[in-house]
Each structure stands twice: as structure tokens, then as C-alpha cells.
Amino acid sequence: MRIHTHPLGPIQTNCYIVEDEKKNCLVFDPGSDGEALLAELRKLSLKPLAILLTHAHFDHIGAVDTVREAYNIPVYLHVAEKKWMTSAELNGSAKYPVLPDVVCKPADILLDEEKTLQVGPFTMGTRHTPGHSPGSVSYIFEDDGFAIVGDTLFQGSVGRTDLPGGNTETLLTSIHEELLTLDDEFIIYPGHGPATTPGREKDSNPYLNGF
């Protein structure tokens, strides 16, 4: 398994491409720069099987339709945010007048329970990790020792909770119960910034001390 990290758009949202040995791949959070992302997929000779969203804030969904239509693949999203793809107000893009409104077609597959998800040859667990947003999902690749967690947990920080549906206590509960319970050496791939591990965040994240 190989993970490619591509910070996209004005907020440098991490888009992750997870590739297997047969050049199949999954695309997580294609937030912007759709044509550049397509060029990278072609350069790597990859075959995308699905788009998986950690949540539906505008900086995570801006290139969804570009990639979806190029490969005719489904988009996965938690049911709690099913209306966000089509609403600039809900996904937050309307809040920033300097940026264009971001709207996409609805997700194709809605996640409504924590389970093992099989997409082609890829197997991952889904954990509902609300707090930053009501439908935040973390994708756990147990056998490969990594997780893609969106804006729930960062290296040295946590997701903001001042956007619609955000809640600080809910976020901290999600982090402690769903992410910090992973092995200390598990690699955590966040929505922005560098990767981290549960062990590192337990030791040094100031937002988690004393919870």
C-alpha cells in the first residue's frame, strides 16, 4: 500500500491517494485543483475506484465532481452531511466572499453506521468521529497501520468547532475514544499539515491534556 499526499487549494487541504500493488486507488478529500489532480492520477497510471470524504466542508469537496465524472466512480459521505454537497451555506464556502461558492452533486453512497467497508481490493473500518462537523468520518486501515481522519485531529492541534454543527466536547470525545485508542505507532493522516501518531499526540498535544 502506498499513500500519496497532495495539499490542494488555498487552504492546502490534504488529498490522499491510496494505491495498491495493482495500481488501483482510492481518492480521499479531493478539495480543489481538479485538473491538476487528474493529471497526477494519469501520471501515476492509477485506476481510481471511489472518492471517500472525511466530511463535506468546501475545502474537502471542491474537485469531487471533476474526479467523479472523469472516472465514473462513486462518492462516499456520512449521511449527517448529505445536504452539504449542494449547499454553499452548509459546506461553508458561502462564508468567504473572496472564494467562489462550492457546490457538487450529492454523494452516491451514504455511510450511516460504523462498519468494515470494502471497496474493490481495499478494506477499511469507518468510525464516526463528529465534533469538527456532524458527519466527520475517520477511515481506519487496521492491517496497514494508518488512518485518514480529516479535520478531527492534527499534529499538535485539533479541528475547529466554531463552524455549523461543531462541538468541542464531542470532538474531544471522538478523538479520545476513536483515535487515541489506536496503537501508539499508528500513522494519522490529517486534513491539513503533516502526519502524526496517537502516541505523539498523547504526549504533546496541548488541546488533549486534561480532558
N, C-alpha and C. Protein backbone atom coordinates (compact mmCIF):
# COMPACT_ATOMS: atom_id res chain seq x y z
N MET A 1 0.85 -1.19 0.00
CA MET A 1 0.00 0.00 0.00
C MET A 1 0.88 1.24 0.00
N ARG A 2 0.55 2.20 -0.86
CA ARG A 2 1.32 3.44 -0.94
C ARG A 2 0.36 4.62 -0.80
N ILE A 3 0.77 5.62 -0.03
CA ILE A 3 -0.08 6.79 0.19
C ILE A 3 0.60 8.02 -0.42
N HIS A 4 -0.10 8.69 -1.32
CA HIS A 4 0.37 9.94 -1.91
C HIS A 4 -0.40 11.09 -1.25
N THR A 5 0.31 12.13 -0.82
CA THR A 5 -0.30 13.29 -0.19
C THR A 5 -0.19 14.49 -1.12
N HIS A 6 -1.34 15.14 -1.39
CA HIS A 6 -1.36 16.30 -2.28
C HIS A 6 -2.13 17.43 -1.61
N PRO A 7 -1.42 18.43 -1.04
CA PRO A 7 -2.12 19.60 -0.50
C PRO A 7 -2.71 20.43 -1.65
N LEU A 8 -4.02 20.68 -1.58
CA LEU A 8 -4.71 21.33 -2.69
C LEU A 8 -5.45 22.58 -2.23
N GLY A 9 -5.54 23.56 -3.13
CA GLY A 9 -6.37 24.74 -2.91
C GLY A 9 -5.75 25.76 -1.99
N PRO A 10 -6.46 26.87 -1.78
CA PRO A 10 -5.93 27.99 -0.99
C PRO A 10 -5.69 27.66 0.47
N ILE A 11 -6.38 26.64 0.99
CA ILE A 11 -6.20 26.26 2.39
C ILE A 11 -5.27 25.06 2.51
N GLN A 12 -4.76 24.59 1.38
CA GLN A 12 -3.83 23.46 1.35
C GLN A 12 -4.39 22.25 2.09
N THR A 13 -5.57 21.85 1.66
CA THR A 13 -6.21 20.65 2.21
C THR A 13 -5.54 19.41 1.66
N ASN A 14 -5.22 18.48 2.54
CA ASN A 14 -4.56 17.25 2.10
C ASN A 14 -5.54 16.33 1.38
N CYS A 15 -5.26 16.06 0.12
CA CYS A 15 -5.93 14.99 -0.61
C CYS A 15 -5.00 13.79 -0.57
N TYR A 16 -5.55 12.65 -0.22
CA TYR A 16 -4.75 11.42 -0.15
C TYR A 16 -5.17 10.45 -1.24
N ILE A 17 -4.20 9.90 -1.92
CA ILE A 17 -4.41 8.83 -2.90
C ILE A 17 -3.78 7.57 -2.32
N VAL A 18 -4.60 6.57 -2.07
CA VAL A 18 -4.13 5.30 -1.51
C VAL A 18 -4.09 4.28 -2.64
N GLU A 19 -2.91 3.77 -2.90
CA GLU A 19 -2.65 2.93 -4.08
C GLU A 19 -2.26 1.52 -3.65
N ASP A 20 -2.77 0.51 -4.37
CA ASP A 20 -2.32 -0.85 -4.11
C ASP A 20 -1.31 -1.29 -5.17
N GLU A 21 -0.86 -2.53 -5.06
CA GLU A 21 0.21 -3.00 -5.95
C GLU A 21 -0.26 -3.19 -7.39
N LYS A 22 -1.56 -3.21 -7.61
CA LYS A 22 -2.09 -3.37 -8.97
C LYS A 22 -2.55 -2.06 -9.59
N LYS A 23 -2.18 -0.94 -8.97
CA LYS A 23 -2.47 0.40 -9.47
C LYS A 23 -3.93 0.81 -9.31
N ASN A 24 -4.69 0.05 -8.51
CA ASN A 24 -5.99 0.55 -8.09
C ASN A 24 -5.76 1.61 -7.02
N CYS A 25 -6.69 2.54 -6.89
CA CYS A 25 -6.52 3.54 -5.84
C CYS A 25 -7.85 4.08 -5.36
N LEU A 26 -7.81 4.68 -4.19
CA LEU A 26 -8.91 5.43 -3.61
C LEU A 26 -8.46 6.87 -3.47
N VAL A 27 -9.39 7.81 -3.69
CA VAL A 27 -9.09 9.23 -3.57
C VAL A 27 -9.87 9.78 -2.38
N PHE A 28 -9.13 10.33 -1.40
CA PHE A 28 -9.75 10.89 -0.20
C PHE A 28 -9.69 12.42 -0.25
N ASP A 29 -10.83 13.06 -0.11
CA ASP A 29 -10.93 14.51 0.04
C ASP A 29 -10.26 15.30 -1.09
N PRO A 30 -10.75 15.14 -2.32
CA PRO A 30 -10.23 15.97 -3.42
C PRO A 30 -10.79 17.39 -3.31
N GLY A 31 -10.06 18.26 -2.62
CA GLY A 31 -10.62 19.53 -2.20
C GLY A 31 -10.61 20.64 -3.22
N SER A 32 -9.71 20.56 -4.22
CA SER A 32 -9.58 21.64 -5.20
C SER A 32 -8.64 21.17 -6.30
N ASP A 33 -8.39 22.07 -7.27
CA ASP A 33 -7.40 21.81 -8.33
C ASP A 33 -7.65 20.48 -9.03
N GLY A 34 -8.90 20.31 -9.48
CA GLY A 34 -9.29 19.02 -10.05
C GLY A 34 -8.47 18.60 -11.26
N GLU A 35 -8.18 19.52 -12.16
CA GLU A 35 -7.42 19.14 -13.35
C GLU A 35 -6.00 18.73 -13.00
N ALA A 36 -5.39 19.41 -12.04
CA ALA A 36 -4.05 19.02 -11.61
C ALA A 36 -4.07 17.64 -10.95
N LEU A 37 -5.13 17.36 -10.21
CA LEU A 37 -5.26 16.05 -9.58
C LEU A 37 -5.44 14.96 -10.62
N LEU A 38 -6.24 15.23 -11.64
CA LEU A 38 -6.39 14.26 -12.72
C LEU A 38 -5.07 14.01 -13.43
N ALA A 39 -4.31 15.07 -13.63
CA ALA A 39 -3.01 14.92 -14.29
C ALA A 39 -2.09 14.03 -13.45
N GLU A 40 -2.15 14.17 -12.15
CA GLU A 40 -1.32 13.34 -11.27
C GLU A 40 -1.76 11.89 -11.31
N LEU A 41 -3.05 11.65 -11.33
CA LEU A 41 -3.55 10.27 -11.42
C LEU A 41 -3.12 9.62 -12.72
N ARG A 42 -3.17 10.38 -13.81
CA ARG A 42 -2.72 9.85 -15.10
C ARG A 42 -1.22 9.61 -15.09
N LYS A 43 -0.48 10.53 -14.52
CA LYS A 43 0.98 10.39 -14.45
C LYS A 43 1.38 9.12 -13.70
N LEU A 44 0.65 8.81 -12.66
CA LEU A 44 0.94 7.62 -11.85
C LEU A 44 0.32 6.35 -12.42
N SER A 45 -0.46 6.50 -13.51
CA SER A 45 -1.13 5.35 -14.16
C SER A 45 -2.04 4.62 -13.19
N LEU A 46 -2.80 5.38 -12.41
CA LEU A 46 -3.66 4.79 -11.40
C LEU A 46 -5.09 4.67 -11.90
N LYS A 47 -5.80 3.72 -11.30
CA LYS A 47 -7.20 3.49 -11.61
C LYS A 47 -8.04 3.78 -10.36
N PRO A 48 -8.62 4.98 -10.24
CA PRO A 48 -9.46 5.27 -9.07
C PRO A 48 -10.72 4.42 -9.05
N LEU A 49 -11.06 3.93 -7.86
CA LEU A 49 -12.26 3.11 -7.68
C LEU A 49 -13.37 3.86 -6.95
N ALA A 50 -13.00 4.88 -6.17
CA ALA A 50 -14.01 5.62 -5.40
C ALA A 50 -13.37 6.88 -4.82
N ILE A 51 -14.24 7.82 -4.47
CA ILE A 51 -13.86 9.00 -3.70
C ILE A 51 -14.48 8.85 -2.32
N LEU A 52 -13.67 8.99 -1.29
CA LEU A 52 -14.16 8.89 0.09
C LEU A 52 -13.91 10.22 0.79
N LEU A 53 -14.95 10.75 1.40
CA LEU A 53 -14.87 12.05 2.05
C LEU A 53 -14.87 11.88 3.56
N THR A 54 -13.94 12.58 4.21
CA THR A 54 -13.94 12.58 5.67
C THR A 54 -15.06 13.47 6.20
N HIS A 55 -15.41 14.50 5.42
CA HIS A 55 -16.55 15.37 5.72
C HIS A 55 -16.75 16.28 4.51
N ALA A 56 -17.77 17.12 4.55
CA ALA A 56 -18.17 17.85 3.35
C ALA A 56 -17.96 19.36 3.45
N HIS A 57 -16.96 19.82 4.21
CA HIS A 57 -16.62 21.23 4.13
C HIS A 57 -16.03 21.52 2.75
N PHE A 58 -16.21 22.77 2.32
CA PHE A 58 -15.91 23.12 0.93
C PHE A 58 -14.48 22.81 0.52
N ASP A 59 -13.54 22.95 1.44
CA ASP A 59 -12.14 22.74 1.08
C ASP A 59 -11.77 21.27 0.95
N HIS A 60 -12.73 20.40 1.21
CA HIS A 60 -12.52 18.96 1.04
C HIS A 60 -13.29 18.38 -0.15
N ILE A 61 -14.15 19.18 -0.78
CA ILE A 61 -15.02 18.63 -1.83
C ILE A 61 -14.92 19.36 -3.17
N GLY A 62 -14.09 20.38 -3.28
CA GLY A 62 -14.10 21.24 -4.46
C GLY A 62 -13.82 20.55 -5.79
N ALA A 63 -13.08 19.45 -5.77
CA ALA A 63 -12.76 18.74 -7.01
C ALA A 63 -13.49 17.41 -7.14
N VAL A 64 -14.49 17.20 -6.28
CA VAL A 64 -15.21 15.92 -6.30
C VAL A 64 -15.80 15.61 -7.67
N ASP A 65 -16.56 16.54 -8.23
CA ASP A 65 -17.24 16.24 -9.48
C ASP A 65 -16.26 16.07 -10.64
N THR A 66 -15.15 16.81 -10.63
CA THR A 66 -14.15 16.66 -11.69
C THR A 66 -13.60 15.25 -11.71
N VAL A 67 -13.27 14.72 -10.55
CA VAL A 67 -12.71 13.37 -10.47
C VAL A 67 -13.79 12.32 -10.68
N ARG A 68 -14.95 12.53 -10.07
CA ARG A 68 -16.05 11.56 -10.20
C ARG A 68 -16.44 11.37 -11.67
N GLU A 69 -16.58 12.47 -12.39
CA GLU A 69 -17.03 12.38 -13.78
C GLU A 69 -15.95 11.85 -14.71
N ALA A 70 -14.70 12.11 -14.39
CA ALA A 70 -13.61 11.62 -15.23
C ALA A 70 -13.51 10.10 -15.18
N TYR A 71 -13.83 9.52 -14.02
CA TYR A 71 -13.65 8.07 -13.85
C TYR A 71 -14.97 7.32 -13.62
N ASN A 72 -16.07 8.06 -13.53
CA ASN A 72 -17.38 7.44 -13.29
C ASN A 72 -17.34 6.55 -12.05
N ILE A 73 -16.95 7.15 -10.94
CA ILE A 73 -16.80 6.40 -9.69
C ILE A 73 -17.71 7.00 -8.61
N PRO A 74 -18.05 6.22 -7.59
CA PRO A 74 -18.95 6.71 -6.55
C PRO A 74 -18.24 7.55 -5.50
N VAL A 75 -19.03 8.39 -4.83
CA VAL A 75 -18.56 9.24 -3.74
C VAL A 75 -19.22 8.78 -2.44
N TYR A 76 -18.41 8.57 -1.41
CA TYR A 76 -18.89 8.14 -0.10
C TYR A 76 -18.86 9.33 0.86
N LEU A 77 -19.92 9.45 1.67
CA LEU A 77 -20.03 10.54 2.64
C LEU A 77 -20.97 10.10 3.76
N HIS A 78 -20.75 10.61 4.97
CA HIS A 78 -21.66 10.28 6.07
C HIS A 78 -23.02 10.92 5.84
N VAL A 79 -24.06 10.21 6.21
CA VAL A 79 -25.44 10.65 5.98
C VAL A 79 -25.75 11.97 6.68
N ALA A 80 -25.07 12.27 7.78
CA ALA A 80 -25.35 13.50 8.51
C ALA A 80 -25.06 14.75 7.69
N GLU A 81 -24.27 14.60 6.62
CA GLU A 81 -23.92 15.75 5.79
C GLU A 81 -24.40 15.59 4.35
N LYS A 82 -25.44 14.81 4.16
CA LYS A 82 -25.90 14.51 2.81
C LYS A 82 -26.34 15.74 2.04
N LYS A 83 -26.78 16.81 2.74
CA LYS A 83 -27.23 18.02 2.06
C LYS A 83 -26.11 19.03 1.83
N TRP A 84 -24.97 18.79 2.38
CA TRP A 84 -23.89 19.77 2.34
C TRP A 84 -23.26 19.91 0.96
N MET A 85 -23.26 18.84 0.20
CA MET A 85 -22.61 18.87 -1.12
C MET A 85 -23.25 19.91 -2.04
N THR A 86 -24.53 20.12 -1.88
CA THR A 86 -25.27 21.01 -2.78
C THR A 86 -25.54 22.39 -2.16
N SER A 87 -25.00 22.65 -0.97
CA SER A 87 -25.30 23.90 -0.28
C SER A 87 -24.03 24.63 0.13
N ALA A 88 -23.79 25.79 -0.49
CA ALA A 88 -22.63 26.60 -0.13
C ALA A 88 -22.74 27.10 1.31
N GLU A 89 -23.95 27.28 1.81
CA GLU A 89 -24.13 27.72 3.19
C GLU A 89 -23.71 26.63 4.16
N LEU A 90 -24.14 25.40 3.91
CA LEU A 90 -23.82 24.30 4.81
C LEU A 90 -22.35 23.91 4.72
N ASN A 91 -21.78 23.85 3.52
CA ASN A 91 -20.39 23.41 3.41
C ASN A 91 -19.38 24.52 3.71
N GLY A 92 -19.86 25.72 3.95
CA GLY A 92 -19.01 26.78 4.45
C GLY A 92 -18.43 27.72 3.42
N SER A 93 -18.56 27.40 2.13
CA SER A 93 -17.95 28.26 1.12
C SER A 93 -18.61 29.63 1.03
N ALA A 94 -19.89 29.71 1.37
CA ALA A 94 -20.60 31.00 1.31
C ALA A 94 -20.08 31.98 2.36
N LYS A 95 -19.37 31.48 3.35
CA LYS A 95 -18.87 32.33 4.43
C LYS A 95 -17.72 33.22 3.97
N TYR A 96 -17.09 32.86 2.85
CA TYR A 96 -15.88 33.55 2.41
C TYR A 96 -16.14 34.21 1.05
N PRO A 97 -16.48 35.49 1.02
CA PRO A 97 -16.82 36.18 -0.23
C PRO A 97 -15.70 36.18 -1.27
N VAL A 98 -14.46 36.06 -0.82
CA VAL A 98 -13.34 36.08 -1.77
C VAL A 98 -13.21 34.76 -2.53
N LEU A 99 -13.91 33.73 -2.07
CA LEU A 99 -13.85 32.43 -2.72
C LEU A 99 -15.17 32.15 -3.43
N PRO A 100 -15.13 31.42 -4.53
CA PRO A 100 -16.39 31.06 -5.19
C PRO A 100 -17.18 30.05 -4.37
N ASP A 101 -18.51 30.09 -4.52
CA ASP A 101 -19.33 29.08 -3.87
C ASP A 101 -18.97 27.70 -4.41
N VAL A 102 -18.89 26.75 -3.52
CA VAL A 102 -18.59 25.37 -3.91
C VAL A 102 -19.85 24.54 -3.77
N VAL A 103 -20.30 23.97 -4.87
CA VAL A 103 -21.43 23.04 -4.85
C VAL A 103 -21.09 21.85 -5.72
N CYS A 104 -21.55 20.68 -5.31
CA CYS A 104 -21.30 19.44 -6.03
C CYS A 104 -22.60 18.65 -6.11
N LYS A 105 -22.60 17.65 -6.96
CA LYS A 105 -23.71 16.72 -6.97
C LYS A 105 -23.72 15.93 -5.66
N PRO A 106 -24.86 15.41 -5.25
CA PRO A 106 -24.91 14.66 -3.99
C PRO A 106 -23.99 13.44 -4.01
N ALA A 107 -23.62 13.00 -2.82
CA ALA A 107 -22.83 11.78 -2.70
C ALA A 107 -23.64 10.59 -3.20
N ASP A 108 -22.95 9.57 -3.68
CA ASP A 108 -23.61 8.38 -4.22
C ASP A 108 -23.91 7.36 -3.14
N ILE A 109 -23.03 7.25 -2.15
CA ILE A 109 -23.20 6.25 -1.10
C ILE A 109 -23.08 6.94 0.25
N LEU A 110 -24.11 6.81 1.08
CA LEU A 110 -24.14 7.46 2.39
C LEU A 110 -23.81 6.45 3.49
N LEU A 111 -22.85 6.81 4.31
CA LEU A 111 -22.45 5.97 5.43
C LEU A 111 -23.33 6.32 6.63
N ASP A 112 -23.91 5.32 7.26
CA ASP A 112 -24.79 5.61 8.38
C ASP A 112 -24.49 4.76 9.61
N GLU A 113 -23.44 3.96 9.54
CA GLU A 113 -23.06 3.17 10.71
C GLU A 113 -21.58 2.83 10.60
N GLU A 114 -20.98 2.58 11.75
CA GLU A 114 -19.58 2.18 11.74
C GLU A 114 -19.50 0.72 11.31
N LYS A 115 -18.62 0.46 10.35
CA LYS A 115 -18.54 -0.89 9.82
C LYS A 115 -17.23 -1.06 9.06
N THR A 116 -16.99 -2.29 8.62
CA THR A 116 -15.89 -2.56 7.72
C THR A 116 -16.37 -2.29 6.31
N LEU A 117 -15.64 -1.45 5.61
CA LEU A 117 -16.01 -1.03 4.26
C LEU A 117 -15.08 -1.69 3.26
N GLN A 118 -15.66 -2.32 2.25
CA GLN A 118 -14.88 -2.96 1.19
C GLN A 118 -15.13 -2.21 -0.11
N VAL A 119 -14.06 -1.68 -0.70
CA VAL A 119 -14.13 -1.00 -1.99
C VAL A 119 -13.10 -1.66 -2.89
N GLY A 120 -13.55 -2.50 -3.80
CA GLY A 120 -12.61 -3.26 -4.61
C GLY A 120 -11.72 -4.08 -3.70
N PRO A 121 -10.39 -4.01 -3.87
CA PRO A 121 -9.49 -4.79 -3.02
C PRO A 121 -9.17 -4.11 -1.69
N PHE A 122 -9.69 -2.92 -1.47
CA PHE A 122 -9.36 -2.16 -0.26
C PHE A 122 -10.37 -2.45 0.86
N THR A 123 -9.84 -2.71 2.05
CA THR A 123 -10.66 -2.95 3.23
C THR A 123 -10.28 -1.94 4.30
N MET A 124 -11.28 -1.27 4.85
CA MET A 124 -11.01 -0.28 5.90
C MET A 124 -12.19 -0.23 6.86
N GLY A 125 -11.93 0.20 8.06
CA GLY A 125 -13.00 0.46 9.01
C GLY A 125 -13.44 1.91 8.90
N THR A 126 -14.71 2.17 9.18
CA THR A 126 -15.20 3.54 9.23
C THR A 126 -15.62 3.84 10.67
N ARG A 127 -15.15 4.96 11.18
CA ARG A 127 -15.51 5.39 12.53
C ARG A 127 -16.10 6.79 12.45
N HIS A 128 -17.27 6.95 12.99
CA HIS A 128 -17.92 8.26 13.05
C HIS A 128 -17.20 9.07 14.12
N THR A 129 -16.58 10.17 13.71
CA THR A 129 -15.80 11.00 14.63
C THR A 129 -16.28 12.45 14.58
N PRO A 130 -17.51 12.72 14.99
CA PRO A 130 -18.06 14.07 14.91
C PRO A 130 -17.39 15.02 15.89
N GLY A 131 -17.66 16.29 15.70
CA GLY A 131 -17.13 17.33 16.57
C GLY A 131 -16.68 18.51 15.74
N HIS A 132 -15.78 18.26 14.78
CA HIS A 132 -15.44 19.30 13.82
C HIS A 132 -16.64 19.58 12.93
N SER A 133 -17.29 18.52 12.53
CA SER A 133 -18.56 18.59 11.78
C SER A 133 -19.39 17.37 12.18
N PRO A 134 -20.70 17.42 11.97
CA PRO A 134 -21.55 16.32 12.46
C PRO A 134 -21.34 15.00 11.74
N GLY A 135 -20.84 15.05 10.51
CA GLY A 135 -20.67 13.81 9.76
C GLY A 135 -19.23 13.42 9.53
N SER A 136 -18.32 13.91 10.35
CA SER A 136 -16.91 13.56 10.17
C SER A 136 -16.71 12.05 10.34
N VAL A 137 -15.92 11.48 9.43
CA VAL A 137 -15.63 10.06 9.43
C VAL A 137 -14.12 9.87 9.36
N SER A 138 -13.60 8.93 10.14
CA SER A 138 -12.21 8.52 10.03
C SER A 138 -12.17 7.13 9.41
N TYR A 139 -11.26 6.96 8.45
CA TYR A 139 -11.12 5.69 7.74
C TYR A 139 -9.88 4.99 8.28
N ILE A 140 -10.09 3.79 8.84
CA ILE A 140 -9.04 3.09 9.58
C ILE A 140 -8.56 1.87 8.78
N PHE A 141 -7.31 1.91 8.36
CA PHE A 141 -6.70 0.78 7.65
C PHE A 141 -5.92 -0.02 8.68
N GLU A 142 -6.63 -0.88 9.38
CA GLU A 142 -6.07 -1.58 10.53
C GLU A 142 -4.85 -2.42 10.16
N ASP A 143 -4.96 -3.20 9.08
CA ASP A 143 -3.87 -4.10 8.72
C ASP A 143 -2.63 -3.35 8.23
N ASP A 144 -2.82 -2.14 7.75
CA ASP A 144 -1.70 -1.37 7.22
C ASP A 144 -1.20 -0.29 8.17
N GLY A 145 -1.86 -0.13 9.30
CA GLY A 145 -1.36 0.74 10.34
C GLY A 145 -1.49 2.23 10.09
N PHE A 146 -2.56 2.64 9.39
CA PHE A 146 -2.75 4.07 9.21
C PHE A 146 -4.22 4.42 9.18
N ALA A 147 -4.52 5.70 9.38
CA ALA A 147 -5.89 6.20 9.36
C ALA A 147 -5.91 7.57 8.69
N ILE A 148 -6.99 7.83 7.95
CA ILE A 148 -7.23 9.13 7.33
C ILE A 148 -8.38 9.76 8.08
N VAL A 149 -8.11 10.89 8.76
CA VAL A 149 -9.03 11.37 9.79
C VAL A 149 -9.63 12.75 9.51
N GLY A 150 -9.33 13.35 8.37
CA GLY A 150 -9.89 14.66 8.08
C GLY A 150 -9.45 15.70 9.07
N ASP A 151 -10.36 16.58 9.48
CA ASP A 151 -10.02 17.69 10.36
C ASP A 151 -10.36 17.40 11.82
N THR A 152 -10.34 16.14 12.19
CA THR A 152 -10.60 15.77 13.58
C THR A 152 -9.38 16.00 14.46
N LEU A 153 -8.23 15.48 14.04
CA LEU A 153 -7.00 15.57 14.82
C LEU A 153 -5.85 15.96 13.91
N PHE A 154 -5.03 16.91 14.38
CA PHE A 154 -3.84 17.34 13.66
C PHE A 154 -2.60 17.11 14.52
N GLN A 155 -1.43 17.24 13.90
CA GLN A 155 -0.20 17.21 14.67
C GLN A 155 -0.17 18.46 15.56
N GLY A 156 -0.28 18.25 16.85
CA GLY A 156 -0.23 19.34 17.81
C GLY A 156 -1.48 20.17 17.94
N SER A 157 -2.58 19.75 17.33
CA SER A 157 -3.80 20.54 17.38
C SER A 157 -5.01 19.64 17.15
N VAL A 158 -6.18 20.25 17.13
CA VAL A 158 -7.43 19.54 16.86
C VAL A 158 -8.27 20.39 15.92
N GLY A 159 -9.32 19.82 15.39
CA GLY A 159 -10.19 20.54 14.47
C GLY A 159 -10.94 21.68 15.14
N ARG A 160 -11.23 22.70 14.37
CA ARG A 160 -12.01 23.82 14.90
C ARG A 160 -13.45 23.38 15.10
N THR A 161 -14.13 24.03 16.01
CA THR A 161 -15.51 23.64 16.33
C THR A 161 -16.48 24.82 16.27
N ASP A 162 -16.05 25.91 15.62
CA ASP A 162 -16.90 27.10 15.56
C ASP A 162 -17.70 27.20 14.27
N LEU A 163 -17.70 26.12 13.48
CA LEU A 163 -18.49 26.07 12.25
C LEU A 163 -19.81 25.35 12.54
N PRO A 164 -20.81 25.45 11.64
CA PRO A 164 -22.10 24.81 11.89
C PRO A 164 -21.97 23.33 12.23
N GLY A 165 -22.60 22.94 13.31
CA GLY A 165 -22.58 21.54 13.73
C GLY A 165 -21.36 21.15 14.53
N GLY A 166 -20.45 22.10 14.78
CA GLY A 166 -19.25 21.79 15.55
C GLY A 166 -19.53 21.80 17.05
N ASN A 167 -18.75 20.98 17.79
CA ASN A 167 -18.93 20.92 19.23
C ASN A 167 -17.62 20.43 19.85
N THR A 168 -17.04 21.22 20.74
CA THR A 168 -15.72 20.89 21.28
C THR A 168 -15.72 19.62 22.11
N GLU A 169 -16.70 19.46 22.99
CA GLU A 169 -16.74 18.27 23.83
C GLU A 169 -16.93 17.01 22.98
N THR A 170 -17.78 17.11 21.96
CA THR A 170 -17.98 15.97 21.06
C THR A 170 -16.70 15.63 20.32
N LEU A 171 -15.99 16.66 19.85
CA LEU A 171 -14.73 16.43 19.15
C LEU A 171 -13.71 15.72 20.03
N LEU A 172 -13.52 16.21 21.25
CA LEU A 172 -12.54 15.61 22.15
C LEU A 172 -12.91 14.18 22.50
N THR A 173 -14.21 13.93 22.66
CA THR A 173 -14.65 12.55 22.91
C THR A 173 -14.34 11.65 21.72
N SER A 174 -14.59 12.14 20.51
CA SER A 174 -14.27 11.36 19.31
C SER A 174 -12.79 11.03 19.25
N ILE A 175 -11.95 12.02 19.52
CA ILE A 175 -10.51 11.81 19.46
C ILE A 175 -10.07 10.77 20.48
N HIS A 176 -10.52 10.92 21.70
CA HIS A 176 -10.07 10.02 22.77
C HIS A 176 -10.62 8.60 22.59
N GLU A 177 -11.87 8.48 22.15
CA GLU A 177 -12.47 7.15 22.07
C GLU A 177 -12.17 6.43 20.76
N GLU A 178 -11.97 7.17 19.68
CA GLU A 178 -11.84 6.53 18.38
C GLU A 178 -10.43 6.58 17.79
N LEU A 179 -9.64 7.60 18.14
CA LEU A 179 -8.32 7.75 17.53
C LEU A 179 -7.18 7.44 18.50
N LEU A 180 -7.25 7.95 19.71
CA LEU A 180 -6.18 7.69 20.66
C LEU A 180 -6.20 6.26 21.18
N THR A 181 -7.24 5.52 20.89
CA THR A 181 -7.29 4.09 21.24
C THR A 181 -6.59 3.22 20.21
N LEU A 182 -6.19 3.82 19.08
CA LEU A 182 -5.39 3.08 18.10
C LEU A 182 -3.99 2.87 18.66
N ASP A 183 -3.24 1.95 18.09
CA ASP A 183 -1.87 1.71 18.52
C ASP A 183 -1.07 3.01 18.49
N ASP A 184 -0.18 3.20 19.44
CA ASP A 184 0.57 4.45 19.55
C ASP A 184 1.37 4.77 18.29
N GLU A 185 1.76 3.76 17.52
CA GLU A 185 2.57 3.99 16.32
C GLU A 185 1.75 4.07 15.04
N PHE A 186 0.45 3.97 15.16
CA PHE A 186 -0.43 4.13 14.01
C PHE A 186 -0.15 5.48 13.35
N ILE A 187 -0.14 5.54 12.03
CA ILE A 187 0.07 6.81 11.34
C ILE A 187 -1.27 7.48 11.11
N ILE A 188 -1.39 8.71 11.59
CA ILE A 188 -2.61 9.51 11.45
C ILE A 188 -2.38 10.53 10.34
N TYR A 189 -3.18 10.44 9.27
CA TYR A 189 -3.09 11.39 8.17
C TYR A 189 -4.23 12.40 8.30
N PRO A 190 -3.91 13.66 8.65
CA PRO A 190 -4.95 14.66 8.88
C PRO A 190 -5.31 15.44 7.63
N GLY A 191 -6.34 16.27 7.77
CA GLY A 191 -6.82 17.06 6.64
C GLY A 191 -5.91 18.21 6.26
N HIS A 192 -5.04 18.62 7.17
CA HIS A 192 -4.09 19.70 6.91
C HIS A 192 -2.81 19.39 7.67
N GLY A 193 -1.68 19.72 7.09
CA GLY A 193 -0.43 19.58 7.80
C GLY A 193 0.14 18.17 7.77
N PRO A 194 1.22 17.96 8.52
CA PRO A 194 1.93 16.68 8.48
C PRO A 194 1.23 15.57 9.24
N ALA A 195 1.63 14.35 8.96
CA ALA A 195 1.11 13.18 9.65
C ALA A 195 1.60 13.15 11.09
N THR A 196 0.92 12.37 11.90
CA THR A 196 1.30 12.22 13.30
C THR A 196 0.97 10.81 13.75
N THR A 197 1.05 10.56 15.04
CA THR A 197 0.69 9.27 15.62
C THR A 197 -0.09 9.50 16.91
N PRO A 198 -0.90 8.53 17.33
CA PRO A 198 -1.58 8.68 18.63
C PRO A 198 -0.60 8.88 19.78
N GLY A 199 0.52 8.16 19.74
CA GLY A 199 1.49 8.29 20.81
C GLY A 199 2.03 9.70 20.93
N ARG A 200 2.35 10.31 19.80
CA ARG A 200 2.85 11.68 19.81
C ARG A 200 1.82 12.65 20.37
N GLU A 201 0.57 12.49 19.95
CA GLU A 201 -0.46 13.43 20.39
C GLU A 201 -0.80 13.25 21.86
N LYS A 202 -0.76 12.03 22.36
CA LYS A 202 -0.97 11.82 23.79
C LYS A 202 0.08 12.56 24.61
N ASP A 203 1.31 12.56 24.11
CA ASP A 203 2.42 13.15 24.86
C ASP A 203 2.47 14.66 24.77
N SER A 204 2.09 15.23 23.59
CA SER A 204 2.45 16.63 23.37
C SER A 204 1.32 17.55 22.90
N ASN A 205 0.15 17.01 22.59
CA ASN A 205 -0.92 17.87 22.07
C ASN A 205 -1.56 18.66 23.21
N PRO A 206 -1.40 20.00 23.22
CA PRO A 206 -1.92 20.77 24.37
C PRO A 206 -3.44 20.78 24.47
N TYR A 207 -4.13 20.49 23.37
CA TYR A 207 -5.59 20.51 23.37
C TYR A 207 -6.17 19.26 24.00
N LEU A 208 -5.34 18.24 24.19
CA LEU A 208 -5.85 16.98 24.72
C LEU A 208 -5.50 16.79 26.19
N ASN A 209 -4.59 17.58 26.68
CA ASN A 209 -4.20 17.45 28.09
C ASN A 209 -5.34 17.87 29.01
N GLY A 210 -5.61 17.04 29.99
CA GLY A 210 -6.61 17.39 30.99
C GLY A 210 -8.03 17.07 30.62
N PHE A 211 -8.23 16.44 29.41
CA PHE A 211 -9.61 16.12 29.03
C PHE A 211 -10.07 14.92 29.83
